[in-house]
């Protein structure tokens, strides 16, 4: 199989980013719907990683890395769906709109507008899927999933702000590297493999992805975790989001735009 060169990948990212920026202005309703779908897809990956990762307690109790590996192998379905089906994911857009901005295709204000709109859509989609397709269905109402999701949610709000921020950088560095790898290929297999490897890595390493946490923390709260909404937002969602922006926009989008000389003509 023949894949794009690193420079071609970044040029493709600039083209994709310009199209996303253009959609923000010309058809915000389509952007919002595509953003909701991305939230749904990430939440789908979340519940799959939970069911499989925590479904073998006898095996994983003595081998904690096995649980992480099982969860990591399942979670990438969310990003694969986003990339292949053209949904709008905030964390992916953190990187994709930077090369197009560097090329002069649009203003930085439009970058921010896109990020805000997509973030809101991701939240709506993730929460709706979590309540309707997971909580209301009782997928996590019994052991071992009930205890597992409560413990996951509590752990996510128990870390320091700085720890979550740094883990947020790591998560979206991996996610946006996955997007870059997916852009290197043209077939479904190439795109899926590109998404799978880095995303699996970030899950195994325990990094913090803001949109994924819009599934894990609310589901834990629905199942009875003693976590307040303000606590969830201030201790996890905000630092994870800011870290995701740094990891995606700077470490992937800006770095690759600079290395491959993507700039105004």
C-alpha atoms as a PDB file:
ATOM      1  CA  UNK A   1       0.000   0.000   0.000  1.00  0.00           C
ATOM      2  CA  UNK A   2       1.208   3.489  -0.851  1.00  0.00           C
ATOM      3  CA  UNK A   3       0.609   6.194   1.718  1.00  0.00           C
ATOM      4  CA  UNK A   4       1.041   9.956   1.594  1.00  0.00           C
ATOM      5  CA  UNK A   5       4.349  11.544   2.588  1.00  0.00           C
ATOM      6  CA  UNK A   6       4.514  13.557   5.837  1.00  0.00           C
ATOM      7  CA  UNK A   7       4.296  16.828   3.902  1.00  0.00           C
ATOM      8  CA  UNK A   8       1.355  15.542   1.849  1.00  0.00           C
ATOM      9  CA  UNK A   9      -0.407  14.530   5.077  1.00  0.00           C
ATOM     10  CA  UNK A  10      -0.080  18.042   6.488  1.00  0.00           C
ATOM     11  CA  UNK A  11      -1.192  19.613   3.210  1.00  0.00           C
ATOM     12  CA  UNK A  12      -4.222  17.314   3.250  1.00  0.00           C
ATOM     13  CA  UNK A  13      -4.892  18.365   6.842  1.00  0.00           C
ATOM     14  CA  UNK A  14      -4.818  22.008   5.729  1.00  0.00           C
ATOM     15  CA  UNK A  15      -7.382  21.265   3.031  1.00  0.00           C
ATOM     16  CA  UNK A  16      -9.599  19.382   5.474  1.00  0.00           C
ATOM     17  CA  UNK A  17      -9.269  22.143   8.059  1.00  0.00           C
ATOM     18  CA  UNK A  18     -10.261  24.817   5.539  1.00  0.00           C
ATOM     19  CA  UNK A  19     -13.377  22.802   4.649  1.00  0.00           C
ATOM     20  CA  UNK A  20     -14.301  22.481   8.316  1.00  0.00           C
ATOM     21  CA  UNK A  21     -13.848  26.214   8.845  1.00  0.00           C
ATOM     22  CA  UNK A  22     -15.983  26.916   5.793  1.00  0.00           C
ATOM     23  CA  UNK A  23     -18.736  24.623   7.116  1.00  0.00           C
ATOM     24  CA  UNK A  24     -18.732  26.587  10.370  1.00  0.00           C
ATOM     25  CA  UNK A  25     -19.813  29.701   8.485  1.00  0.00           C
ATOM     26  CA  UNK A  26     -21.922  28.325   5.649  1.00  0.00           C
ATOM     27  CA  UNK A  27     -23.837  25.520   7.336  1.00  0.00           C
ATOM     28  CA  UNK A  28     -23.604  25.594  11.144  1.00  0.00           C
ATOM     29  CA  UNK A  29     -26.599  23.248  11.491  1.00  0.00           C
ATOM     30  CA  UNK A  30     -24.741  20.527   9.567  1.00  0.00           C
ATOM     31  CA  UNK A  31     -21.663  21.178  11.686  1.00  0.00           C
ATOM     32  CA  UNK A  32     -23.687  20.820  14.882  1.00  0.00           C
ATOM     33  CA  UNK A  33     -25.306  17.570  13.738  1.00  0.00           C
ATOM     34  CA  UNK A  34     -21.946  16.110  12.686  1.00  0.00           C
ATOM     35  CA  UNK A  35     -20.569  17.181  16.075  1.00  0.00           C
ATOM     36  CA  UNK A  36     -23.385  15.416  17.926  1.00  0.00           C
ATOM     37  CA  UNK A  37     -22.618  12.262  15.963  1.00  0.00           C
ATOM     38  CA  UNK A  38     -18.961  12.447  16.964  1.00  0.00           C
ATOM     39  CA  UNK A  39     -19.997  12.662  20.630  1.00  0.00           C
ATOM     40  CA  UNK A  40     -22.157   9.584  20.113  1.00  0.00           C
ATOM     41  CA  UNK A  41     -19.318   7.683  18.430  1.00  0.00           C
ATOM     42  CA  UNK A  42     -16.839   8.465  21.211  1.00  0.00           C
ATOM     43  CA  UNK A  43     -19.377   7.433  23.858  1.00  0.00           C
ATOM     44  CA  UNK A  44     -19.945   4.210  21.910  1.00  0.00           C
ATOM     45  CA  UNK A  45     -16.222   3.536  22.090  1.00  0.00           C
ATOM     46  CA  UNK A  46     -16.364   4.329  25.792  1.00  0.00           C
ATOM     47  CA  UNK A  47     -19.060   1.826  26.660  1.00  0.00           C
ATOM     48  CA  UNK A  48     -17.453  -0.847  24.506  1.00  0.00           C
ATOM     49  CA  UNK A  49     -14.129  -0.312  26.277  1.00  0.00           C
ATOM     50  CA  UNK A  50     -15.888  -0.524  29.632  1.00  0.00           C
ATOM     51  CA  UNK A  51     -17.852  -3.704  28.876  1.00  0.00           C
ATOM     52  CA  UNK A  52     -14.882  -5.572  27.428  1.00  0.00           C
ATOM     53  CA  UNK A  53     -12.156  -4.113  29.635  1.00  0.00           C
ATOM     54  CA  UNK A  54     -13.952  -4.816  32.896  1.00  0.00           C
ATOM     55  CA  UNK A  55     -15.765  -7.974  31.801  1.00  0.00           C
ATOM     56  CA  UNK A  56     -13.028 -10.389  32.857  1.00  0.00           C
ATOM     57  CA  UNK A  57     -12.407  -9.568  36.557  1.00  0.00           C
ATOM     58  CA  UNK A  58     -10.804 -12.934  37.358  1.00  0.00           C
ATOM     59  CA  UNK A  59      -8.251 -12.406  34.616  1.00  0.00           C
ATOM     60  CA  UNK A  60      -7.543  -8.702  35.118  1.00  0.00           C
ATOM     61  CA  UNK A  61      -7.406  -8.647  38.927  1.00  0.00           C
ATOM     62  CA  UNK A  62      -3.982 -10.273  38.892  1.00  0.00           C
ATOM     63  CA  UNK A  63      -3.010  -8.670  35.587  1.00  0.00           C
ATOM     64  CA  UNK A  64      -4.019  -4.977  35.641  1.00  0.00           C
ATOM     65  CA  UNK A  65      -2.335  -4.249  32.318  1.00  0.00           C
ATOM     66  CA  UNK A  66      -4.689  -6.737  30.649  1.00  0.00           C
ATOM     67  CA  UNK A  67      -7.706  -4.624  31.619  1.00  0.00           C
ATOM     68  CA  UNK A  68      -6.040  -1.533  30.163  1.00  0.00           C
ATOM     69  CA  UNK A  69      -5.123  -3.398  27.001  1.00  0.00           C
ATOM     70  CA  UNK A  70      -8.633  -4.789  26.520  1.00  0.00           C
ATOM     71  CA  UNK A  71     -10.170  -1.341  27.004  1.00  0.00           C
ATOM     72  CA  UNK A  72      -7.562   0.202  24.739  1.00  0.00           C
ATOM     73  CA  UNK A  73      -8.281  -2.258  21.955  1.00  0.00           C
ATOM     74  CA  UNK A  74     -12.016  -1.432  22.012  1.00  0.00           C
ATOM     75  CA  UNK A  75     -12.088   2.348  22.462  1.00  0.00           C
ATOM     76  CA  UNK A  76     -10.680   3.333  19.012  1.00  0.00           C
ATOM     77  CA  UNK A  77     -13.951   2.363  17.292  1.00  0.00           C
ATOM     78  CA  UNK A  78     -15.125   5.865  18.214  1.00  0.00           C
ATOM     79  CA  UNK A  79     -12.393   7.713  16.327  1.00  0.00           C
ATOM     80  CA  UNK A  80     -12.553   5.272  13.422  1.00  0.00           C
ATOM     81  CA  UNK A  81     -16.242   6.138  12.979  1.00  0.00           C
ATOM     82  CA  UNK A  82     -15.490   9.854  13.282  1.00  0.00           C
ATOM     83  CA  UNK A  83     -12.746   9.793  10.656  1.00  0.00           C
ATOM     84  CA  UNK A  84     -14.309   7.409   8.157  1.00  0.00           C
ATOM     85  CA  UNK A  85     -17.839   8.845   8.359  1.00  0.00           C
ATOM     86  CA  UNK A  86     -16.853  12.503   8.496  1.00  0.00           C
ATOM     87  CA  UNK A  87     -18.127  13.499  11.946  1.00  0.00           C
ATOM     88  CA  UNK A  88     -16.817  16.590  13.737  1.00  0.00           C
ATOM     89  CA  UNK A  89     -14.710  15.926  16.837  1.00  0.00           C
ATOM     90  CA  UNK A  90     -13.419  18.804  18.957  1.00  0.00           C
ATOM     91  CA  UNK A  91     -10.123  17.138  19.801  1.00  0.00           C
ATOM     92  CA  UNK A  92      -9.381  16.231  16.186  1.00  0.00           C
ATOM     93  CA  UNK A  93     -10.275  19.737  15.043  1.00  0.00           C
ATOM     94  CA  UNK A  94      -7.781  21.144  17.564  1.00  0.00           C
ATOM     95  CA  UNK A  95      -5.075  20.003  15.158  1.00  0.00           C
ATOM     96  CA  UNK A  96      -6.803  20.051  11.785  1.00  0.00           C
ATOM     97  CA  UNK A  97      -7.657  23.762  11.735  1.00  0.00           C
ATOM     98  CA  UNK A  98      -4.112  24.903  12.583  1.00  0.00           C
ATOM     99  CA  UNK A  99      -2.418  24.130   9.219  1.00  0.00           C
ATOM    100  CA  UNK A 100      -5.309  25.780   7.349  1.00  0.00           C
ATOM    101  CA  UNK A 101      -4.991  28.826   9.630  1.00  0.00           C
ATOM    102  CA  UNK A 102      -1.218  28.891   9.042  1.00  0.00           C
ATOM    103  CA  UNK A 103      -1.913  28.816   5.307  1.00  0.00           C
ATOM    104  CA  UNK A 104      -4.148  31.875   5.619  1.00  0.00           C
ATOM    105  CA  UNK A 105      -7.365  30.070   4.662  1.00  0.00           C
ATOM    106  CA  UNK A 106      -9.298  31.620   7.554  1.00  0.00           C
ATOM    107  CA  UNK A 107      -8.905  33.672  10.715  1.00  0.00           C
ATOM    108  CA  UNK A 108      -8.049  32.376  14.182  1.00  0.00           C
ATOM    109  CA  UNK A 109     -11.409  33.685  15.319  1.00  0.00           C
ATOM    110  CA  UNK A 110     -13.036  31.156  13.004  1.00  0.00           C
ATOM    111  CA  UNK A 111     -10.875  28.427  14.530  1.00  0.00           C
ATOM    112  CA  UNK A 112     -12.237  29.311  17.965  1.00  0.00           C
ATOM    113  CA  UNK A 113     -15.793  29.498  16.670  1.00  0.00           C
ATOM    114  CA  UNK A 114     -15.474  26.020  15.168  1.00  0.00           C
ATOM    115  CA  UNK A 115     -13.995  24.587  18.339  1.00  0.00           C
ATOM    116  CA  UNK A 116     -16.774  26.017  20.520  1.00  0.00           C
ATOM    117  CA  UNK A 117     -19.591  24.821  18.248  1.00  0.00           C
ATOM    118  CA  UNK A 118     -18.104  21.352  17.845  1.00  0.00           C
ATOM    119  CA  UNK A 119     -17.418  21.064  21.582  1.00  0.00           C
ATOM    120  CA  UNK A 120     -21.068  21.827  22.361  1.00  0.00           C
ATOM    121  CA  UNK A 121     -22.265  19.319  19.763  1.00  0.00           C
ATOM    122  CA  UNK A 122     -19.914  16.641  21.098  1.00  0.00           C
ATOM    123  CA  UNK A 123     -21.288  17.199  24.593  1.00  0.00           C
ATOM    124  CA  UNK A 124     -24.904  16.931  23.449  1.00  0.00           C
ATOM    125  CA  UNK A 125     -24.226  13.733  21.526  1.00  0.00           C
ATOM    126  CA  UNK A 126     -22.200  12.104  24.293  1.00  0.00           C
ATOM    127  CA  UNK A 127     -24.724  12.895  27.033  1.00  0.00           C
ATOM    128  CA  UNK A 128     -27.716  11.812  24.949  1.00  0.00           C
ATOM    129  CA  UNK A 129     -26.105   8.482  24.031  1.00  0.00           C
ATOM    130  CA  UNK A 130     -24.925   7.912  27.602  1.00  0.00           C
ATOM    131  CA  UNK A 131     -28.376   8.393  29.081  1.00  0.00           C
ATOM    132  CA  UNK A 132     -30.518   6.727  26.402  1.00  0.00           C
ATOM    133  CA  UNK A 133     -28.328   3.945  25.040  1.00  0.00           C
ATOM    134  CA  UNK A 134     -26.348   3.067  28.175  1.00  0.00           C
ATOM    135  CA  UNK A 135     -27.990   4.154  31.450  1.00  0.00           C
ATOM    136  CA  UNK A 136     -31.639   3.722  30.410  1.00  0.00           C
ATOM    137  CA  UNK A 137     -30.779   0.330  28.895  1.00  0.00           C
ATOM    138  CA  UNK A 138     -29.174  -0.803  32.138  1.00  0.00           C
ATOM    139  CA  UNK A 139     -25.867  -1.704  30.508  1.00  0.00           C
ATOM    140  CA  UNK A 140     -23.937  -0.717  33.639  1.00  0.00           C
ATOM    141  CA  UNK A 141     -26.549  -1.378  36.308  1.00  0.00           C
ATOM    142  CA  UNK A 142     -25.038  -4.664  37.491  1.00  0.00           C
ATOM    143  CA  UNK A 143     -21.628  -5.933  38.589  1.00  0.00           C
ATOM    144  CA  UNK A 144     -18.888  -5.612  37.604  1.00  0.00           C
ATOM    145  CA  UNK A 145     -19.763  -2.607  35.452  1.00  0.00           C
ATOM    146  CA  UNK A 146     -21.714  -0.646  38.064  1.00  0.00           C
ATOM    147  CA  UNK A 147     -18.795  -0.541  40.488  1.00  0.00           C
ATOM    148  CA  UNK A 148     -16.275  -0.048  37.695  1.00  0.00           C
ATOM    149  CA  UNK A 149     -17.859   3.088  36.217  1.00  0.00           C
ATOM    150  CA  UNK A 150     -18.351   4.653  39.643  1.00  0.00           C
ATOM    151  CA  UNK A 151     -14.681   4.050  40.467  1.00  0.00           C
ATOM    152  CA  UNK A 152     -13.579   5.390  37.081  1.00  0.00           C
ATOM    153  CA  UNK A 153     -15.579   8.583  37.526  1.00  0.00           C
ATOM    154  CA  UNK A 154     -14.317   9.118  41.069  1.00  0.00           C
ATOM    155  CA  UNK A 155     -10.716   8.575  39.978  1.00  0.00           C
ATOM    156  CA  UNK A 156     -11.077  11.164  37.212  1.00  0.00           C
ATOM    157  CA  UNK A 157     -12.184  13.902  39.607  1.00  0.00           C
ATOM    158  CA  UNK A 158      -9.667  12.928  42.318  1.00  0.00           C
ATOM    159  CA  UNK A 159      -6.519  13.920  40.411  1.00  0.00           C
ATOM    160  CA  UNK A 160      -4.917  17.335  40.749  1.00  0.00           C
ATOM    161  CA  UNK A 161      -5.750  20.000  38.144  1.00  0.00           C
ATOM    162  CA  UNK A 162      -2.192  19.921  36.807  1.00  0.00           C
ATOM    163  CA  UNK A 163      -2.172  16.140  36.496  1.00  0.00           C
ATOM    164  CA  UNK A 164      -5.383  16.180  34.453  1.00  0.00           C
ATOM    165  CA  UNK A 165      -4.020  19.005  32.296  1.00  0.00           C
ATOM    166  CA  UNK A 166      -0.815  17.095  31.501  1.00  0.00           C
ATOM    167  CA  UNK A 167      -2.736  13.873  30.871  1.00  0.00           C
ATOM    168  CA  UNK A 168      -5.000  15.911  28.581  1.00  0.00           C
ATOM    169  CA  UNK A 169      -1.963  16.941  26.552  1.00  0.00           C
ATOM    170  CA  UNK A 170      -0.938  13.301  26.218  1.00  0.00           C
ATOM    171  CA  UNK A 171      -4.413  12.148  25.208  1.00  0.00           C
ATOM    172  CA  UNK A 172      -4.892  14.579  22.353  1.00  0.00           C
ATOM    173  CA  UNK A 173      -1.312  14.312  21.204  1.00  0.00           C
ATOM    174  CA  UNK A 174      -2.125  10.634  20.603  1.00  0.00           C
ATOM    175  CA  UNK A 175      -5.588  11.283  19.141  1.00  0.00           C
ATOM    176  CA  UNK A 176      -4.339  13.893  16.677  1.00  0.00           C
ATOM    177  CA  UNK A 177      -1.386  11.711  15.711  1.00  0.00           C
ATOM    178  CA  UNK A 178      -4.037   9.089  14.970  1.00  0.00           C
ATOM    179  CA  UNK A 179      -5.884  11.571  12.757  1.00  0.00           C
ATOM    180  CA  UNK A 180      -2.611  12.384  10.965  1.00  0.00           C
ATOM    181  CA  UNK A 181      -1.919   8.684  10.397  1.00  0.00           C
ATOM    182  CA  UNK A 182      -5.453   8.201   9.101  1.00  0.00           C
ATOM    183  CA  UNK A 183      -4.874  11.031   6.609  1.00  0.00           C
ATOM    184  CA  UNK A 184      -1.843   9.154   5.301  1.00  0.00           C
ATOM    185  CA  UNK A 185      -3.973   6.395   3.812  1.00  0.00           C
ATOM    186  CA  UNK A 186      -6.875   6.108   1.408  1.00  0.00           C
ATOM    187  CA  UNK A 187      -8.407   2.712   2.154  1.00  0.00           C
ATOM    188  CA  UNK A 188     -10.590   1.841   5.125  1.00  0.00           C
ATOM    189  CA  UNK A 189      -7.931  -0.500   6.505  1.00  0.00           C
ATOM    190  CA  UNK A 190      -5.241   2.187   6.366  1.00  0.00           C
ATOM    191  CA  UNK A 191      -7.461   4.769   8.059  1.00  0.00           C
ATOM    192  CA  UNK A 192      -8.695   2.344  10.723  1.00  0.00           C
ATOM    193  CA  UNK A 193      -5.188   1.150  11.558  1.00  0.00           C
ATOM    194  CA  UNK A 194      -3.960   4.747  11.723  1.00  0.00           C
ATOM    195  CA  UNK A 195      -6.708   5.584  14.212  1.00  0.00           C
ATOM    196  CA  UNK A 196      -6.374   2.415  16.250  1.00  0.00           C
ATOM    197  CA  UNK A 197      -2.710   2.401  17.268  1.00  0.00           C
ATOM    198  CA  UNK A 198      -2.263   5.842  18.931  1.00  0.00           C
ATOM    199  CA  UNK A 199      -5.744   5.836  20.487  1.00  0.00           C
ATOM    200  CA  UNK A 200      -5.147   2.411  21.977  1.00  0.00           C
ATOM    201  CA  UNK A 201      -1.914   3.790  23.413  1.00  0.00           C
ATOM    202  CA  UNK A 202      -3.556   6.776  25.111  1.00  0.00           C
ATOM    203  CA  UNK A 203      -6.212   4.575  26.731  1.00  0.00           C
ATOM    204  CA  UNK A 204      -3.649   2.073  28.008  1.00  0.00           C
ATOM    205  CA  UNK A 205      -1.527   4.904  29.420  1.00  0.00           C
ATOM    206  CA  UNK A 206      -4.507   6.443  31.212  1.00  0.00           C
ATOM    207  CA  UNK A 207      -4.481   9.888  29.589  1.00  0.00           C
ATOM    208  CA  UNK A 208      -7.484  12.215  29.793  1.00  0.00           C
ATOM    209  CA  UNK A 209      -9.709  12.916  26.769  1.00  0.00           C
ATOM    210  CA  UNK A 210     -12.303  15.629  27.409  1.00  0.00           C
ATOM    211  CA  UNK A 211     -14.972  14.233  25.085  1.00  0.00           C
ATOM    212  CA  UNK A 212     -14.534  10.673  26.357  1.00  0.00           C
ATOM    213  CA  UNK A 213     -14.902  12.042  29.882  1.00  0.00           C
ATOM    214  CA  UNK A 214     -18.272  13.494  28.843  1.00  0.00           C
ATOM    215  CA  UNK A 215     -19.261   9.824  28.783  1.00  0.00           C
ATOM    216  CA  UNK A 216     -17.342   8.310  31.697  1.00  0.00           C
ATOM    217  CA  UNK A 217     -17.998  10.932  34.380  1.00  0.00           C
ATOM    218  CA  UNK A 218     -21.717  11.539  33.667  1.00  0.00           C
ATOM    219  CA  UNK A 219     -22.349   7.791  33.491  1.00  0.00           C
ATOM    220  CA  UNK A 220     -20.629   7.358  36.853  1.00  0.00           C
ATOM    221  CA  UNK A 221     -22.837  10.118  38.258  1.00  0.00           C
ATOM    222  CA  UNK A 222     -25.964   8.480  36.818  1.00  0.00           C
ATOM    223  CA  UNK A 223     -24.965   5.221  38.487  1.00  0.00           C
ATOM    224  CA  UNK A 224     -24.600   6.907  41.865  1.00  0.00           C
ATOM    225  CA  UNK A 225     -21.071   8.298  42.115  1.00  0.00           C
ATOM    226  CA  UNK A 226     -20.969  11.112  44.681  1.00  0.00           C
ATOM    227  CA  UNK A 227     -19.734  13.757  42.252  1.00  0.00           C
ATOM    228  CA  UNK A 228     -21.209  17.207  41.733  1.00  0.00           C
ATOM    229  CA  UNK A 229     -21.589  18.818  38.327  1.00  0.00           C
ATOM    230  CA  UNK A 230     -19.346  21.761  39.256  1.00  0.00           C
ATOM    231  CA  UNK A 231     -16.754  19.377  40.687  1.00  0.00           C
ATOM    232  CA  UNK A 232     -16.717  17.336  37.476  1.00  0.00           C
ATOM    233  CA  UNK A 233     -16.333  20.432  35.323  1.00  0.00           C
ATOM    234  CA  UNK A 234     -13.660  22.206  37.352  1.00  0.00           C
ATOM    235  CA  UNK A 235     -11.513  19.247  38.381  1.00  0.00           C
ATOM    236  CA  UNK A 236     -11.562  17.286  35.132  1.00  0.00           C
ATOM    237  CA  UNK A 237     -13.417  18.627  32.103  1.00  0.00           C
ATOM    238  CA  UNK A 238     -11.765  22.072  32.063  1.00  0.00           C
ATOM    239  CA  UNK A 239      -8.137  20.958  32.598  1.00  0.00           C
ATOM    240  CA  UNK A 240      -8.594  18.002  30.239  1.00  0.00           C
ATOM    241  CA  UNK A 241     -10.008  20.323  27.572  1.00  0.00           C
ATOM    242  CA  UNK A 242      -7.163  22.813  27.904  1.00  0.00           C
ATOM    243  CA  UNK A 243      -4.618  20.017  27.833  1.00  0.00           C
ATOM    244  CA  UNK A 244      -6.297  18.540  24.755  1.00  0.00           C
ATOM    245  CA  UNK A 245      -5.969  21.895  22.974  1.00  0.00           C
ATOM    246  CA  UNK A 246      -2.261  22.051  23.742  1.00  0.00           C
ATOM    247  CA  UNK A 247      -1.665  18.445  22.706  1.00  0.00           C
ATOM    248  CA  UNK A 248      -3.591  18.763  19.455  1.00  0.00           C
ATOM    249  CA  UNK A 249      -3.151  22.348  18.307  1.00  0.00           C
ATOM    250  CA  UNK A 250       0.485  22.814  19.308  1.00  0.00           C
ATOM    251  CA  UNK A 251       2.129  19.380  19.372  1.00  0.00           C
ATOM    252  CA  UNK A 252       0.478  18.129  16.182  1.00  0.00           C
ATOM    253  CA  UNK A 253      -1.131  20.929  14.170  1.00  0.00           C
ATOM    254  CA  UNK A 254       1.410  23.706  14.734  1.00  0.00           C
ATOM    255  CA  UNK A 255       4.489  21.468  14.834  1.00  0.00           C
ATOM    256  CA  UNK A 256       3.654  19.748  11.555  1.00  0.00           C
ATOM    257  CA  UNK A 257       2.658  23.005   9.858  1.00  0.00           C
ATOM    258  CA  UNK A 258       6.054  24.438  10.838  1.00  0.00           C
ATOM    259  CA  UNK A 259       8.121  21.372   9.926  1.00  0.00           C
ATOM    260  CA  UNK A 260       6.486  20.998   6.524  1.00  0.00           C
ATOM    261  CA  UNK A 261       6.392  24.763   5.821  1.00  0.00           C
ATOM    262  CA  UNK A 262       2.639  25.137   5.549  1.00  0.00           C
ATOM    263  CA  UNK A 263       2.212  28.910   5.365  1.00  0.00           C
ATOM    264  CA  UNK A 264       0.541  31.690   3.437  1.00  0.00           C
ATOM    265  CA  UNK A 265       1.272  31.609  -0.288  1.00  0.00           C
END
